[in-house]
Each structure stands twice: as structure tokens, then as C-alpha cells.
N, C-alpha and C. Protein backbone atom coordinates (compact mmCIF):
# COMPACT_ATOMS: atom_id res chain seq x y z
N MET A 1 12.19 -8.79 2.70
CA MET A 1 12.71 -7.91 1.62
C MET A 1 14.37 -7.81 2.06
N GLY A 2 15.26 -8.53 1.72
CA GLY A 2 16.32 -8.84 2.15
C GLY A 2 17.55 -7.54 1.66
N ASN A 3 17.37 -6.99 0.90
CA ASN A 3 18.43 -5.87 0.59
C ASN A 3 18.57 -4.99 1.90
N ALA A 4 19.84 -4.98 2.20
CA ALA A 4 20.78 -3.90 3.00
C ALA A 4 20.31 -2.55 2.83
N PRO A 5 19.71 -1.70 3.78
CA PRO A 5 19.45 -0.30 3.39
C PRO A 5 20.69 0.44 2.87
N THR A 6 20.72 1.49 2.15
CA THR A 6 21.74 2.24 1.47
C THR A 6 21.57 3.79 2.25
N ALA A 7 22.71 4.62 2.06
CA ALA A 7 22.72 5.91 2.49
C ALA A 7 21.13 6.47 2.32
N GLY A 8 20.63 6.43 1.07
CA GLY A 8 19.46 6.82 0.59
C GLY A 8 18.15 6.47 1.72
N ALA A 9 18.08 5.21 1.82
CA ALA A 9 17.32 4.45 2.58
C ALA A 9 17.31 4.93 4.41
N SER A 10 18.61 5.21 4.63
CA SER A 10 18.51 5.58 6.07
C SER A 10 18.30 7.21 6.27
N GLU A 11 18.62 7.77 5.25
CA GLU A 11 18.12 9.26 5.11
C GLU A 11 16.81 9.40 5.15
N ALA A 12 16.08 8.54 4.31
CA ALA A 12 14.58 8.81 4.40
C ALA A 12 13.95 8.19 5.69
N GLY A 13 14.64 7.46 6.52
CA GLY A 13 14.18 6.85 7.82
C GLY A 13 13.09 6.21 7.88
N SER A 14 12.20 6.66 8.75
CA SER A 14 10.90 6.22 9.09
C SER A 14 9.86 6.14 7.93
N ALA A 15 9.80 6.97 7.08
CA ALA A 15 9.14 6.94 5.75
C ALA A 15 9.16 5.78 4.78
N CYS A 16 10.47 5.19 4.68
CA CYS A 16 10.96 4.22 4.09
C CYS A 16 10.33 2.84 4.89
N ASP A 17 10.35 2.87 6.22
CA ASP A 17 10.15 1.73 7.03
C ASP A 17 8.51 1.40 7.00
N GLU A 18 7.82 2.71 6.86
CA GLU A 18 6.55 2.72 6.62
C GLU A 18 6.10 2.05 5.29
N TRP A 19 6.98 2.40 4.39
CA TRP A 19 6.67 2.08 3.17
C TRP A 19 6.97 0.67 2.95
N ARG A 20 7.68 0.07 3.56
CA ARG A 20 8.12 -1.37 3.65
C ARG A 20 7.19 -2.01 4.26
N GLN A 21 6.50 -1.65 5.29
CA GLN A 21 5.45 -2.04 6.00
C GLN A 21 4.21 -2.32 4.99
N ILE A 22 3.89 -1.27 4.47
CA ILE A 22 2.79 -1.38 3.62
C ILE A 22 3.23 -2.19 2.27
N VAL A 23 4.17 -2.14 1.77
CA VAL A 23 4.46 -3.08 0.44
C VAL A 23 4.34 -4.45 0.93
N GLU A 24 4.86 -5.11 2.18
CA GLU A 24 4.87 -6.47 2.67
C GLU A 24 3.47 -6.77 2.95
N LEU A 25 2.60 -5.69 3.52
CA LEU A 25 1.12 -6.08 3.84
C LEU A 25 0.25 -6.29 2.59
N LEU A 26 0.63 -5.58 1.59
CA LEU A 26 -0.21 -5.68 0.50
C LEU A 26 0.38 -6.82 -0.42
N THR A 27 1.37 -7.51 -0.21
CA THR A 27 1.64 -8.67 -0.99
C THR A 27 0.45 -9.70 -1.10
N PRO A 28 0.18 -9.83 -2.23
CA PRO A 28 -1.25 -10.73 -2.44
C PRO A 28 -1.33 -11.99 -1.68
N ASP A 29 -2.18 -12.28 -1.17
CA ASP A 29 -2.61 -13.72 -0.49
C ASP A 29 -4.38 -14.10 -0.51
N ARG A 30 -4.64 -14.40 -1.57
CA ARG A 30 -5.96 -14.73 -1.70
C ARG A 30 -6.64 -15.51 -1.06
N ASP A 31 -5.71 -16.51 -0.16
CA ASP A 31 -6.18 -17.48 0.76
C ASP A 31 -6.60 -16.99 2.23
N GLN A 32 -6.21 -15.63 2.39
CA GLN A 32 -6.39 -15.22 3.99
C GLN A 32 -7.96 -15.22 4.01
N GLU A 33 -7.99 -15.62 5.26
CA GLU A 33 -9.61 -15.46 6.15
C GLU A 33 -9.97 -14.15 6.21
N PRO A 34 -11.13 -13.72 6.15
CA PRO A 34 -11.67 -12.01 6.36
C PRO A 34 -10.87 -11.32 7.64
N ALA A 35 -10.83 -12.42 8.82
CA ALA A 35 -10.20 -11.83 9.94
C ALA A 35 -8.87 -11.39 9.67
N GLN A 36 -8.22 -12.25 9.11
CA GLN A 36 -6.63 -11.59 8.70
C GLN A 36 -6.72 -10.68 7.62
N VAL A 37 -7.49 -10.36 6.68
CA VAL A 37 -7.47 -9.33 6.07
C VAL A 37 -8.03 -8.15 6.73
N GLN A 38 -8.73 -7.96 7.48
CA GLN A 38 -8.99 -7.03 8.34
C GLN A 38 -7.93 -6.58 9.33
N ARG A 39 -7.45 -7.56 9.93
CA ARG A 39 -6.02 -7.25 10.61
C ARG A 39 -4.89 -6.41 9.60
N THR A 40 -4.76 -7.18 8.61
CA THR A 40 -3.84 -6.41 7.59
C THR A 40 -3.95 -4.97 7.44
N TRP A 41 -5.44 -4.69 7.20
CA TRP A 41 -5.69 -3.31 6.97
C TRP A 41 -5.95 -2.56 7.92
N GLU A 42 -6.12 -2.99 9.21
CA GLU A 42 -5.82 -2.18 10.16
C GLU A 42 -4.63 -1.76 10.50
N ALA A 43 -3.60 -2.41 9.88
CA ALA A 43 -2.04 -2.06 10.08
C ALA A 43 -1.80 -1.45 8.87
N ILE A 44 -2.18 -1.37 8.16
CA ILE A 44 -2.12 -0.48 6.57
C ILE A 44 -2.48 0.92 6.79
N LEU A 45 -3.35 0.94 7.28
CA LEU A 45 -4.25 2.44 7.49
C LEU A 45 -3.31 3.39 8.29
N PRO A 46 -2.96 3.19 9.18
CA PRO A 46 -1.81 3.98 9.96
C PRO A 46 -0.61 4.22 9.24
N ALA A 47 -0.02 3.31 8.50
CA ALA A 47 1.03 3.47 7.94
C ALA A 47 0.89 4.18 6.90
N LEU A 48 -0.33 4.57 6.07
CA LEU A 48 -0.81 5.24 5.23
C LEU A 48 -0.80 6.78 5.64
N ASP A 49 -1.26 6.92 6.86
CA ASP A 49 -1.21 8.19 7.48
C ASP A 49 0.40 8.70 7.72
N ALA A 50 1.07 8.02 8.12
CA ALA A 50 2.27 8.17 8.31
C ALA A 50 3.15 8.79 7.09
N VAL A 51 2.77 7.71 5.99
CA VAL A 51 3.65 8.29 4.50
C VAL A 51 3.21 9.36 4.00
N GLN A 52 1.88 9.67 4.15
CA GLN A 52 1.32 11.10 3.43
C GLN A 52 1.87 12.08 4.46
N ALA A 53 1.93 11.92 5.93
CA ALA A 53 2.61 13.01 6.51
C ALA A 53 4.20 13.21 6.28
N GLU A 54 4.84 12.12 5.75
CA GLU A 54 6.02 12.24 5.77
C GLU A 54 6.73 12.34 4.22
N SER A 55 5.80 12.50 3.49
CA SER A 55 6.12 12.75 1.89
C SER A 55 6.83 13.89 1.67
N SER A 56 7.55 14.00 0.75
CA SER A 56 8.12 15.24 0.15
C SER A 56 7.13 16.04 -0.69
N ALA A 57 7.41 17.01 -0.99
CA ALA A 57 6.29 18.07 -1.69
C ALA A 57 6.41 17.33 -3.40
N GLU A 58 7.51 16.80 -3.79
CA GLU A 58 7.44 16.18 -5.11
C GLU A 58 6.71 14.93 -5.31
N LEU A 59 6.47 14.32 -4.20
CA LEU A 59 6.20 13.08 -3.89
C LEU A 59 4.50 13.01 -3.62
N ALA A 60 4.10 14.10 -3.03
CA ALA A 60 2.63 14.36 -2.39
C ALA A 60 1.58 14.07 -3.16
N ALA A 61 1.39 14.66 -4.16
CA ALA A 61 0.31 14.28 -5.13
C ALA A 61 0.17 12.75 -5.69
N ASP A 62 1.19 12.20 -5.68
CA ASP A 62 1.17 10.83 -6.24
C ASP A 62 0.75 9.88 -5.00
N VAL A 63 1.54 10.08 -3.56
CA VAL A 63 1.19 9.71 -2.40
C VAL A 63 -0.22 9.76 -2.13
N ASN A 64 -0.85 10.95 -2.26
CA ASN A 64 -2.19 11.42 -1.65
C ASN A 64 -3.05 10.16 -2.84
N ARG A 65 -2.86 10.33 -4.10
CA ARG A 65 -3.50 9.55 -5.03
C ARG A 65 -3.37 8.07 -4.65
N PHE A 66 -2.27 7.47 -4.36
CA PHE A 66 -2.04 6.26 -3.83
C PHE A 66 -2.85 5.90 -2.63
N THR A 67 -2.62 6.67 -1.55
CA THR A 67 -3.24 6.57 -0.42
C THR A 67 -4.68 6.82 -0.50
N GLY A 68 -5.30 7.27 -1.32
CA GLY A 68 -6.75 7.41 -1.47
C GLY A 68 -7.40 6.30 -1.96
N ALA A 69 -6.86 5.76 -3.00
CA ALA A 69 -7.22 4.69 -3.45
C ALA A 69 -7.07 3.38 -2.57
N LEU A 70 -6.16 3.40 -1.64
CA LEU A 70 -6.18 2.60 -0.99
C LEU A 70 -7.28 2.44 0.25
N ARG A 71 -7.41 3.85 0.62
CA ARG A 71 -8.39 4.00 1.64
C ARG A 71 -9.98 3.62 0.80
N ARG A 72 -10.12 3.76 -0.30
CA ARG A 72 -11.47 3.52 -1.11
C ARG A 72 -11.54 1.91 -0.65
N TYR A 73 -10.24 1.36 -1.41
CA TYR A 73 -10.42 -0.21 -1.25
C TYR A 73 -10.72 -0.82 0.05
N ALA A 74 -9.92 -0.09 1.19
CA ALA A 74 -10.32 -0.39 2.36
C ALA A 74 -11.83 -0.15 3.00
N ALA A 75 -12.45 0.68 2.55
CA ALA A 75 -13.61 1.13 2.87
C ALA A 75 -14.83 -0.02 2.33
N HIS A 76 -14.15 -0.43 1.19
CA HIS A 76 -15.23 -1.33 0.47
C HIS A 76 -15.02 -2.74 1.17
N LEU A 77 -13.69 -2.92 1.43
CA LEU A 77 -13.70 -4.11 2.12
C LEU A 77 -14.47 -4.22 3.55
N GLU A 78 -14.50 -3.21 4.06
CA GLU A 78 -15.03 -3.19 5.49
C GLU A 78 -16.42 -3.72 5.21
N LYS A 79 -17.37 -2.84 3.90
CA LYS A 79 -18.62 -3.28 3.74
C LYS A 79 -18.71 -4.41 3.46
N ILE A 80 -17.93 -5.43 2.79
CA ILE A 80 -18.26 -6.92 2.87
C ILE A 80 -17.41 -7.50 3.73
N ASP A 81 -17.11 -7.21 4.92
CA ASP A 81 -16.76 -8.03 5.95
C ASP A 81 -15.07 -8.62 5.51
N TYR A 82 -14.71 -7.89 4.95
CA TYR A 82 -13.04 -8.21 4.73
C TYR A 82 -13.11 -9.40 3.82
N ASP A 83 -14.18 -9.81 3.10
CA ASP A 83 -14.22 -11.22 2.51
C ASP A 83 -13.51 -11.11 0.90
N LEU A 84 -12.38 -11.46 0.78
CA LEU A 84 -11.85 -11.32 -0.60
C LEU A 84 -12.47 -11.94 -1.93
N ASP A 85 -13.05 -13.22 -1.37
CA ASP A 85 -13.90 -13.85 -2.46
C ASP A 85 -15.05 -13.17 -2.91
N THR A 86 -15.80 -12.49 -2.06
CA THR A 86 -16.86 -11.43 -2.32
C THR A 86 -16.58 -10.47 -2.91
N LEU A 87 -15.12 -9.82 -2.77
CA LEU A 87 -14.82 -8.98 -3.58
C LEU A 87 -14.32 -9.07 -4.88
N PHE A 88 -13.83 -10.28 -5.27
CA PHE A 88 -13.44 -10.55 -6.65
C PHE A 88 -14.70 -11.32 -7.52
N GLU A 89 -15.83 -11.36 -6.66
CA GLU A 89 -16.94 -12.04 -7.31
C GLU A 89 -17.73 -11.16 -7.99
N THR A 90 -17.69 -10.07 -7.93
CA THR A 90 -18.24 -8.76 -8.53
C THR A 90 -17.33 -7.94 -9.28
N ARG A 91 -18.01 -7.49 -10.43
CA ARG A 91 -17.33 -6.67 -11.33
C ARG A 91 -16.65 -5.12 -10.33
N ARG A 92 -17.74 -4.93 -9.87
CA ARG A 92 -17.16 -3.51 -9.15
C ARG A 92 -16.11 -3.73 -8.21
N GLY A 93 -15.93 -4.85 -7.53
CA GLY A 93 -14.95 -5.15 -6.93
C GLY A 93 -13.43 -5.41 -7.45
N LYS A 94 -13.67 -6.36 -8.69
CA LYS A 94 -12.64 -6.29 -9.54
C LYS A 94 -12.14 -5.10 -10.31
N LYS A 95 -13.02 -4.27 -10.34
CA LYS A 95 -12.66 -2.88 -10.90
C LYS A 95 -11.71 -2.12 -9.90
N LEU A 96 -12.42 -2.08 -8.77
CA LEU A 96 -11.75 -1.33 -7.53
C LEU A 96 -10.30 -1.79 -7.10
N ALA A 97 -10.05 -3.10 -7.13
CA ALA A 97 -8.76 -3.87 -7.34
C ALA A 97 -8.11 -3.28 -8.12
N ALA A 98 -8.27 -3.37 -9.62
CA ALA A 98 -7.32 -2.83 -10.36
C ALA A 98 -7.03 -1.41 -10.11
N ALA A 99 -8.14 -0.67 -9.94
CA ALA A 99 -7.87 0.71 -9.71
C ALA A 99 -7.02 1.02 -8.87
N THR A 100 -6.95 0.32 -7.95
CA THR A 100 -6.09 0.36 -6.71
C THR A 100 -4.51 -0.01 -6.84
N SER A 101 -4.64 -1.19 -7.76
CA SER A 101 -3.31 -1.49 -8.13
C SER A 101 -2.54 -0.23 -9.13
N HIS A 102 -3.25 0.22 -9.90
CA HIS A 102 -2.98 1.07 -10.99
C HIS A 102 -2.47 2.65 -10.45
N ALA A 103 -3.05 2.59 -9.23
CA ALA A 103 -2.57 4.13 -8.36
C ALA A 103 -1.19 3.83 -7.71
N LEU A 104 -0.56 2.97 -7.82
CA LEU A 104 1.04 2.91 -7.51
C LEU A 104 1.78 3.52 -8.69
N THR A 105 1.68 4.62 -8.69
CA THR A 105 2.49 5.48 -9.91
C THR A 105 4.16 5.05 -10.02
N PRO A 106 4.49 5.30 -11.22
CA PRO A 106 6.07 5.22 -11.42
C PRO A 106 6.91 6.22 -10.67
N VAL A 107 6.35 7.14 -10.30
CA VAL A 107 7.24 8.10 -9.41
C VAL A 107 7.09 7.45 -8.06
N ILE A 108 6.16 6.69 -7.53
CA ILE A 108 6.33 6.20 -6.24
C ILE A 108 7.06 4.94 -6.30
N VAL A 109 7.04 4.10 -7.30
CA VAL A 109 7.92 3.03 -7.53
C VAL A 109 9.16 3.17 -7.69
N GLU A 110 9.57 4.36 -8.37
CA GLU A 110 11.01 4.65 -8.14
C GLU A 110 11.65 5.19 -6.91
N HIS A 111 10.71 6.03 -6.26
CA HIS A 111 11.23 6.43 -5.07
C HIS A 111 11.30 5.14 -4.14
N LEU A 112 10.54 4.16 -4.08
CA LEU A 112 10.53 2.89 -3.17
C LEU A 112 11.93 2.13 -3.57
N GLN A 113 12.18 2.02 -4.99
CA GLN A 113 13.26 1.31 -5.29
C GLN A 113 14.53 1.80 -5.02
N GLU A 114 14.57 2.97 -5.22
CA GLU A 114 15.96 3.84 -5.17
C GLU A 114 16.34 4.60 -3.90
N GLU A 115 15.50 5.23 -3.26
CA GLU A 115 15.68 5.89 -1.98
C GLU A 115 15.48 4.85 -0.95
N CYS A 116 14.19 3.82 -1.11
CA CYS A 116 14.07 2.94 0.03
C CYS A 116 14.59 1.55 -0.21
N GLN A 117 15.19 1.36 -1.35
CA GLN A 117 15.77 -0.10 -1.56
C GLN A 117 14.77 -1.12 -1.39
N ILE A 118 13.32 -0.84 -1.54
CA ILE A 118 12.39 -1.70 -1.41
C ILE A 118 11.95 -2.17 -3.03
N PRO A 119 12.12 -3.59 -3.27
CA PRO A 119 12.05 -4.09 -4.66
C PRO A 119 10.53 -4.33 -4.89
N ILE A 120 9.96 -3.81 -5.86
CA ILE A 120 8.62 -4.15 -6.30
C ILE A 120 8.59 -4.72 -7.57
N GLY A 121 7.59 -5.65 -7.48
CA GLY A 121 7.19 -6.45 -8.62
C GLY A 121 7.32 -7.87 -8.48
């Protein structure tokens, strides 16, 4: 993510750093081996805790929805040994992936783009 931070990003500090890590780790790579998928999610979950703890009151509901969806996704991945092929072979897995993607609300996207200077899309 090559954008230089702006005043808004530096004021947001570590929360933006955590969001940046989450966005980078969530960049799709269907060719990952299960061990790499597991390592990715082991890195994402603590970052989710941090953004939840640091989110403003105006973002809290959206952040809670998003982090909840990601936690459900991670729990399902753990049940299938982090195998993305297995996830996408089932209707349930496809629905869960779509629901997780849709949990990233416009409020969060706007915050990431404007406050943290993180490009989404």
C-alpha cells in the first residue's frame, strides 16, 4: 500500500496500522496452502482485537459486525483445517465467504480510505 500517511492517518496511529495489516492479510490468494492460511488467520485475529478495542464510538457497531463475521469465518476455517479448496467446494463455505465480504460496511471503507489512507478495492 504505497500511499504516504496523511495527518488523519498519523492521528489514528496504531488503529490504522492494525487495519492496514488486516487489509493486506485479507488480500485473496486462493493458491495458499492450508499452513499459510492458518498463519494468516493467526495474525489477523489479534489485529481484530486491536481494532475493536481502538474503534471510535461512531465506528463500533460496524467494526463489531465486521470482526464478528471474520471470527465466524476463521472458526469455520479451523474446522476444515484451513483448506480453502474445501471451503469453496461447499455451498455453506461459499455463503460464509460472501457474508464475510459483505460485512465490510461502507462506513468502515470510508474510514479506511479517508482516515487511514488505505486503498480498498
